[in-house]
Amino acid sequence: MTRPPAPPPGPADPAAQWPVDALDLDAYLRRVGHHGAVAPDGATLRALHRAHVAAITFENLDVMLGRGVDVDLPRVQDKLVRAGRGGYCYEHGVLFGAVLQRVGFRVDRLLARTGDPVESPRPRSHLVLRVDDGDRVWLADVGFGSGLLEPLPLAEDAPRRQGRWEYRLRRGPDGAWRLRERGTGDWVTLQTFTEEPQYPVDVEVANHHTATNPHSPFTRQRIVVRKDSESVRRLIDREYTWESPGQPTRSRTLTDEEYADALVGEFALPLSPAEIRALVDSLPPPDADTAVAPDLELRSPAGGHRA
């Protein structure tokens, strides 16, 4: 039985505090290559989620260029839509949340911890979306880098396959949701979250910590990631890796020229020659040991880097 649509957010509702009128929905749909109709239903949500992940790269390069990251919707739209750039989780989540709200979904922004706090507590440093289409409630997350390709029903359902990966949601002993992924081996918890809606100021504070804390991996490494149904490709400083479940992971260290070519070619970032030169000049030498303790979106099942 279809549930009645959720009531529109009232003035005290966190969803009402997120301004979405500045969004140019048509420009966004062109950016992600979505040419069909849009409606607040599961089919549209899945299509937009897939299109967003395919079109908009995960990257933190503005932090490493000394510009910082602004999560105000007009600034995010200028960067990710009009300039064709990528961004990290807060930018992706702010943009996609505004898109879904304009289409007619009820959207709550939630802050998640990466990994499982029972194993290793981390701060709430990742932005995900709780999306209500009037029939089902979904978890949407276009900003994890190597996470979901499409939304999951927010329920303890059977595992869902997305390309070569499987995902499922489980509640832990603390009542919080765990998003779990299985590639080839065991199930691994990617993130843990509750359904407490967040205000814009909450995301501003979390973003400030992520973009400025000297212990954050996003202030210490140049990170670029793209994922599709077959593989995830990461460029962390000079280290390029290609990973796909059931296949040997391929990794190599790039030269300056290869790094520059990868940014504008494989990762489709429209950077200026001056920006590319500044990034190349900031890279550690090819033989430097630049390992950073895993944290935030960079934690992998084996304890290495992930985005």
Protein backbone atom coordinates (compact mmCIF):
# COMPACT_ATOMS: atom_id res chain seq x y z
CA MET A 1 0.00 0.00 0.00
CA THR A 2 1.36 3.40 -0.95
CA ARG A 3 1.97 5.72 1.95
CA PRO A 4 0.57 9.24 1.80
CA PRO A 5 3.19 11.79 0.73
CA ALA A 6 5.24 13.34 3.49
CA PRO A 7 3.96 16.76 4.57
CA PRO A 8 5.96 19.74 3.35
CA PRO A 9 8.66 20.85 5.78
CA GLY A 10 7.57 23.43 8.32
CA PRO A 11 9.71 26.34 9.55
CA ALA A 12 11.16 24.32 12.46
CA ASP A 13 11.97 21.33 10.22
CA PRO A 14 15.67 21.02 9.31
CA ALA A 15 14.69 20.26 5.69
CA ALA A 16 13.08 23.70 5.47
CA GLN A 17 16.36 25.36 6.42
CA TRP A 18 18.12 24.16 3.27
CA PRO A 19 17.69 26.82 0.55
CA VAL A 20 17.21 25.18 -2.85
CA ASP A 21 15.74 28.01 -4.96
CA ALA A 22 19.20 28.91 -6.31
CA LEU A 23 19.46 25.55 -8.07
CA ASP A 24 19.30 25.57 -11.87
CA LEU A 25 17.71 22.14 -12.29
CA ASP A 26 17.91 22.15 -16.09
CA ALA A 27 21.63 22.95 -15.99
CA TYR A 28 22.19 20.12 -13.51
CA LEU A 29 20.31 17.63 -15.67
CA ARG A 30 22.44 18.61 -18.65
CA ARG A 31 25.60 18.27 -16.54
CA VAL A 32 24.80 14.68 -15.56
CA GLY A 33 23.34 13.75 -18.95
CA HIS A 34 19.81 12.97 -17.77
CA HIS A 35 17.39 13.54 -20.65
CA GLY A 36 14.23 11.89 -19.38
CA ALA A 37 11.37 13.15 -17.26
CA VAL A 38 11.85 13.64 -13.53
CA ALA A 39 9.32 12.86 -10.81
CA PRO A 40 9.60 12.16 -7.06
CA ASP A 41 9.66 8.39 -7.48
CA GLY A 42 12.13 5.54 -7.09
CA ALA A 43 12.88 5.24 -10.80
CA THR A 44 13.91 8.89 -11.05
CA LEU A 45 15.95 8.68 -7.87
CA ARG A 46 17.89 5.67 -9.15
CA ALA A 47 18.47 7.25 -12.56
CA LEU A 48 19.69 10.57 -11.14
CA HIS A 49 21.92 8.83 -8.58
CA ARG A 50 23.59 6.72 -11.28
CA ALA A 51 23.98 9.71 -13.60
CA HIS A 52 25.51 11.89 -10.87
CA VAL A 53 28.11 9.29 -9.85
CA ALA A 54 29.03 8.70 -13.50
CA ALA A 55 29.37 12.39 -14.38
CA ILE A 56 30.81 14.21 -11.36
CA THR A 57 34.22 13.19 -10.04
CA PHE A 58 35.10 12.86 -6.36
CA GLU A 59 38.07 15.15 -5.64
CA ASN A 60 39.55 17.49 -3.01
CA LEU A 61 41.88 19.51 -5.24
CA ASP A 62 40.62 22.96 -4.16
CA VAL A 63 41.77 22.19 -0.62
CA MET A 64 45.23 21.35 -1.92
CA LEU A 65 45.24 24.49 -4.09
CA GLY A 66 44.71 26.58 -0.95
CA ARG A 67 41.17 27.66 -1.77
CA GLY A 68 39.26 25.61 0.77
CA VAL A 69 35.74 24.30 0.18
CA ASP A 70 32.49 26.27 0.41
CA VAL A 71 29.27 24.28 0.92
CA ASP A 72 26.90 27.16 0.12
CA LEU A 73 24.63 25.90 -2.70
CA PRO A 74 25.36 28.72 -5.20
CA ARG A 75 29.13 28.15 -4.80
CA VAL A 76 28.75 24.38 -5.08
CA GLN A 77 26.60 24.77 -8.18
CA ASP A 78 29.09 27.14 -9.80
CA LYS A 79 31.88 24.62 -9.27
CA LEU A 80 30.28 21.23 -9.90
CA VAL A 81 27.68 22.21 -12.51
CA ARG A 82 28.82 25.33 -14.34
CA ALA A 83 32.59 24.81 -14.14
CA GLY A 84 32.39 21.04 -14.64
CA ARG A 85 34.55 20.25 -11.63
CA GLY A 86 34.20 17.56 -8.99
CA GLY A 87 34.13 17.81 -5.23
CA TYR A 88 34.07 15.80 -2.03
CA CYS A 89 31.17 14.49 0.03
CA TYR A 90 29.69 17.73 1.36
CA GLU A 91 29.66 19.36 -2.07
CA HIS A 92 28.10 16.32 -3.73
CA GLY A 93 25.54 15.94 -0.96
CA VAL A 94 24.54 19.61 -0.88
CA LEU A 95 24.04 19.63 -4.66
CA PHE A 96 22.21 16.31 -4.92
CA GLY A 97 20.01 17.08 -1.93
CA ALA A 98 18.91 20.35 -3.56
CA VAL A 99 18.21 18.55 -6.84
CA LEU A 100 16.03 15.94 -5.15
CA GLN A 101 14.18 18.52 -3.10
CA ARG A 102 13.44 20.56 -6.23
CA VAL A 103 12.14 17.44 -7.97
CA GLY A 104 9.72 16.92 -5.08
CA PHE A 105 11.31 14.40 -2.73
CA ARG A 106 11.44 14.86 1.03
CA VAL A 107 15.17 15.03 1.79
CA ASP A 108 16.96 14.94 5.14
CA ARG A 109 20.72 15.49 5.32
CA LEU A 110 22.45 13.11 7.74
CA LEU A 111 26.01 13.05 9.03
CA ALA A 112 27.68 9.64 9.06
CA ARG A 113 30.80 8.15 10.60
CA THR A 114 33.05 6.14 8.30
CA GLY A 115 33.60 2.58 9.44
CA ASP A 116 31.99 1.17 12.58
CA PRO A 117 32.39 3.10 15.87
CA VAL A 118 32.36 -0.20 17.76
CA GLU A 119 35.65 -1.04 16.03
CA SER A 120 37.21 2.44 15.75
CA PRO A 121 35.24 5.61 16.61
CA ARG A 122 35.55 8.40 14.07
CA PRO A 123 33.80 11.77 13.87
CA ARG A 124 30.63 12.35 11.89
CA SER A 125 32.53 13.53 8.85
CA HIS A 126 30.49 12.26 5.90
CA LEU A 127 27.22 13.55 4.41
CA VAL A 128 24.47 11.18 3.24
CA LEU A 129 20.82 11.73 2.32
CA ARG A 130 17.60 10.18 3.62
CA VAL A 131 15.12 10.44 0.75
CA ASP A 132 11.36 9.86 0.99
CA ASP A 133 9.42 9.38 -2.26
CA GLY A 134 6.05 8.87 -0.53
CA ASP A 135 6.26 5.13 -1.07
CA ARG A 136 9.69 4.17 0.28
CA VAL A 137 12.52 5.74 2.23
CA TRP A 138 15.97 5.51 0.67
CA LEU A 139 19.61 6.04 1.54
CA ALA A 140 21.28 8.11 -1.19
CA ASP A 141 25.00 8.83 -1.20
CA VAL A 142 26.70 10.24 -4.30
CA GLY A 143 29.73 11.62 -2.44
CA PHE A 144 31.62 8.68 -0.96
CA GLY A 145 33.92 8.26 -3.94
CA SER A 146 33.89 4.46 -4.00
CA GLY A 147 30.48 3.83 -2.45
CA LEU A 148 26.95 3.36 -3.78
CA LEU A 149 26.16 3.57 -7.47
CA GLU A 150 22.45 3.90 -6.76
CA PRO A 151 20.31 4.37 -3.64
CA LEU A 152 19.34 1.60 -1.23
CA PRO A 153 15.96 1.20 0.49
CA LEU A 154 16.49 2.28 4.09
CA ALA A 155 15.57 -1.12 5.50
CA GLU A 156 17.19 -4.39 6.52
CA ASP A 157 16.55 -5.96 3.13
CA ALA A 158 18.41 -8.68 1.28
CA PRO A 159 21.74 -7.65 -0.24
CA ARG A 160 21.51 -5.53 -3.37
CA ARG A 161 23.98 -5.98 -6.22
CA GLN A 162 25.28 -2.86 -7.97
CA GLY A 163 27.65 -3.79 -10.76
CA ARG A 164 30.39 -5.98 -9.27
CA TRP A 165 29.60 -4.93 -5.69
CA GLU A 166 26.93 -5.91 -3.17
CA TYR A 167 25.48 -3.67 -0.49
CA ARG A 168 23.15 -4.07 2.45
CA LEU A 169 21.98 -2.07 5.46
CA ARG A 170 21.94 -3.43 9.00
CA ARG A 171 21.15 -1.90 12.37
CA GLY A 172 23.83 -2.27 15.01
CA PRO A 173 23.44 -2.86 18.75
CA ASP A 174 23.40 0.92 19.25
CA GLY A 175 20.43 1.30 16.91
CA ALA A 176 22.46 3.06 14.21
CA TRP A 177 22.45 1.98 10.59
CA ARG A 178 25.51 0.31 9.06
CA LEU A 179 26.05 0.47 5.31
CA ARG A 180 27.99 -2.67 4.41
CA GLU A 181 29.75 -3.62 1.19
CA ARG A 182 30.95 -6.96 -0.16
CA GLY A 183 33.30 -7.05 -3.07
CA THR A 184 34.98 -10.44 -3.24
CA GLY A 185 35.38 -11.38 0.43
CA ASP A 186 33.71 -10.52 3.72
CA TRP A 187 31.17 -7.81 4.44
CA VAL A 188 32.81 -4.53 5.48
CA THR A 189 31.11 -1.57 7.17
CA LEU A 190 31.63 1.56 5.09
CA GLN A 191 29.71 3.99 7.28
CA THR A 192 27.46 4.25 10.33
CA PHE A 193 24.66 6.80 10.71
CA THR A 194 21.48 7.66 12.54
CA GLU A 195 18.41 9.38 11.10
CA GLU A 196 18.84 12.67 12.94
CA PRO A 197 18.29 15.46 10.35
CA GLN A 198 21.04 18.07 10.14
CA TYR A 199 20.85 21.82 9.64
CA PRO A 200 23.11 23.68 7.20
CA VAL A 201 25.24 24.90 10.12
CA ASP A 202 25.98 21.29 11.09
CA VAL A 203 27.35 20.54 7.64
CA GLU A 204 29.30 23.82 7.59
CA VAL A 205 31.07 22.85 10.82
CA ALA A 206 31.81 19.30 9.62
CA ASN A 207 33.10 20.62 6.31
CA HIS A 208 35.34 23.15 8.03
CA HIS A 209 36.92 20.39 10.12
CA THR A 210 37.48 18.15 7.09
CA ALA A 211 38.93 20.94 4.93
CA THR A 212 41.22 22.51 7.54
CA ASN A 213 42.22 19.99 10.20
CA PRO A 214 45.90 19.11 9.67
CA HIS A 215 45.13 15.47 10.55
CA SER A 216 42.45 15.17 7.86
CA PRO A 217 43.58 13.17 4.81
CA PHE A 218 41.90 15.81 2.67
CA THR A 219 44.42 18.43 3.80
CA ARG A 220 47.40 16.12 3.26
CA GLN A 221 46.82 14.35 -0.06
CA ARG A 222 45.52 15.15 -3.53
CA ILE A 223 42.60 12.70 -3.94
CA VAL A 224 40.64 11.95 -7.12
CA VAL A 225 38.25 8.99 -7.54
CA ARG A 226 35.82 7.64 -10.12
CA LYS A 227 33.67 4.53 -9.85
CA ASP A 228 31.47 2.67 -12.31
CA SER A 229 29.79 -0.73 -12.44
CA GLU A 230 33.06 -2.51 -13.19
CA SER A 231 35.82 -0.76 -11.25
CA VAL A 232 36.96 2.06 -9.01
CA ARG A 233 39.94 4.18 -10.04
CA ARG A 234 41.84 6.24 -7.49
CA LEU A 235 44.57 8.83 -7.87
CA ILE A 236 46.04 9.63 -4.44
CA ASP A 237 49.00 11.93 -4.97
CA ARG A 238 51.08 10.04 -7.54
CA GLU A 239 49.64 6.61 -6.78
CA TYR A 240 47.13 5.39 -9.36
CA THR A 241 45.12 2.25 -8.53
CA TRP A 242 42.49 0.27 -10.41
CA GLU A 243 40.35 -2.09 -8.36
CA SER A 244 37.55 -4.49 -9.26
CA PRO A 245 36.15 -7.39 -7.20
CA GLY A 246 37.63 -10.69 -8.28
CA GLN A 247 40.49 -9.04 -10.15
CA PRO A 248 44.05 -8.26 -9.04
CA THR A 249 44.40 -4.63 -7.98
CA ARG A 250 46.68 -2.69 -10.32
CA SER A 251 48.79 0.13 -8.94
CA ARG A 252 51.65 2.31 -10.16
CA THR A 253 53.38 5.59 -9.43
CA LEU A 254 52.82 8.32 -12.03
CA THR A 255 55.32 10.82 -13.40
CA ASP A 256 54.49 14.53 -13.46
CA GLU A 257 53.31 14.29 -17.06
CA GLU A 258 51.23 11.17 -16.45
CA TYR A 259 49.63 12.78 -13.39
CA ALA A 260 48.63 15.87 -15.38
CA ASP A 261 47.26 13.74 -18.22
CA ALA A 262 45.22 11.60 -15.82
CA LEU A 263 43.54 14.63 -14.22
CA VAL A 264 42.20 16.05 -17.48
CA GLY A 265 41.85 12.75 -19.34
CA GLU A 266 40.74 9.76 -17.30
CA PHE A 267 39.25 11.84 -14.45
CA ALA A 268 37.72 14.50 -16.73
CA LEU A 269 38.62 17.57 -14.65
CA PRO A 270 38.66 20.85 -16.61
CA LEU A 271 41.64 22.36 -14.80
CA SER A 272 43.63 25.30 -16.15
CA PRO A 273 47.32 24.91 -17.01
CA ALA A 274 48.17 27.04 -13.97
CA GLU A 275 46.10 24.80 -11.67
CA ILE A 276 47.69 21.66 -13.07
CA ARG A 277 51.17 23.12 -12.67
CA ALA A 278 50.44 24.10 -9.05
CA LEU A 279 49.19 20.58 -8.27
CA VAL A 280 52.16 18.91 -9.96
CA ASP A 281 54.60 21.21 -8.15
CA SER A 282 53.00 20.28 -4.81
CA LEU A 283 53.32 16.52 -5.33
CA PRO A 284 55.84 14.58 -3.26
CA PRO A 285 58.77 13.20 -5.27
CA PRO A 286 58.10 9.81 -6.89
CA ASP A 287 60.22 7.94 -4.35
CA ALA A 288 58.86 9.69 -1.23
CA ASP A 289 57.09 7.76 1.53
CA THR A 290 53.84 9.75 1.90
CA ALA A 291 51.61 7.24 3.66
CA VAL A 292 48.84 8.83 5.73
CA ALA A 293 46.94 7.06 8.49
CA PRO A 294 43.61 5.80 7.13
CA ASP A 295 40.62 7.94 8.08
CA LEU A 296 37.35 9.39 6.81
CA GLU A 297 36.35 8.15 3.32
CA LEU A 298 39.85 6.74 2.81
CA ARG A 299 39.59 3.63 4.97
CA SER A 300 39.61 0.35 3.06
CA PRO A 301 38.66 -3.18 4.16
CA ALA A 302 42.35 -4.02 4.44
CA GLY A 303 43.17 -0.88 6.40
CA GLY A 304 44.62 1.01 3.45
CA HIS A 305 43.34 4.06 1.62
CA ARG A 306 39.87 4.33 0.29
CA ALA A 307 37.76 7.07 -1.20
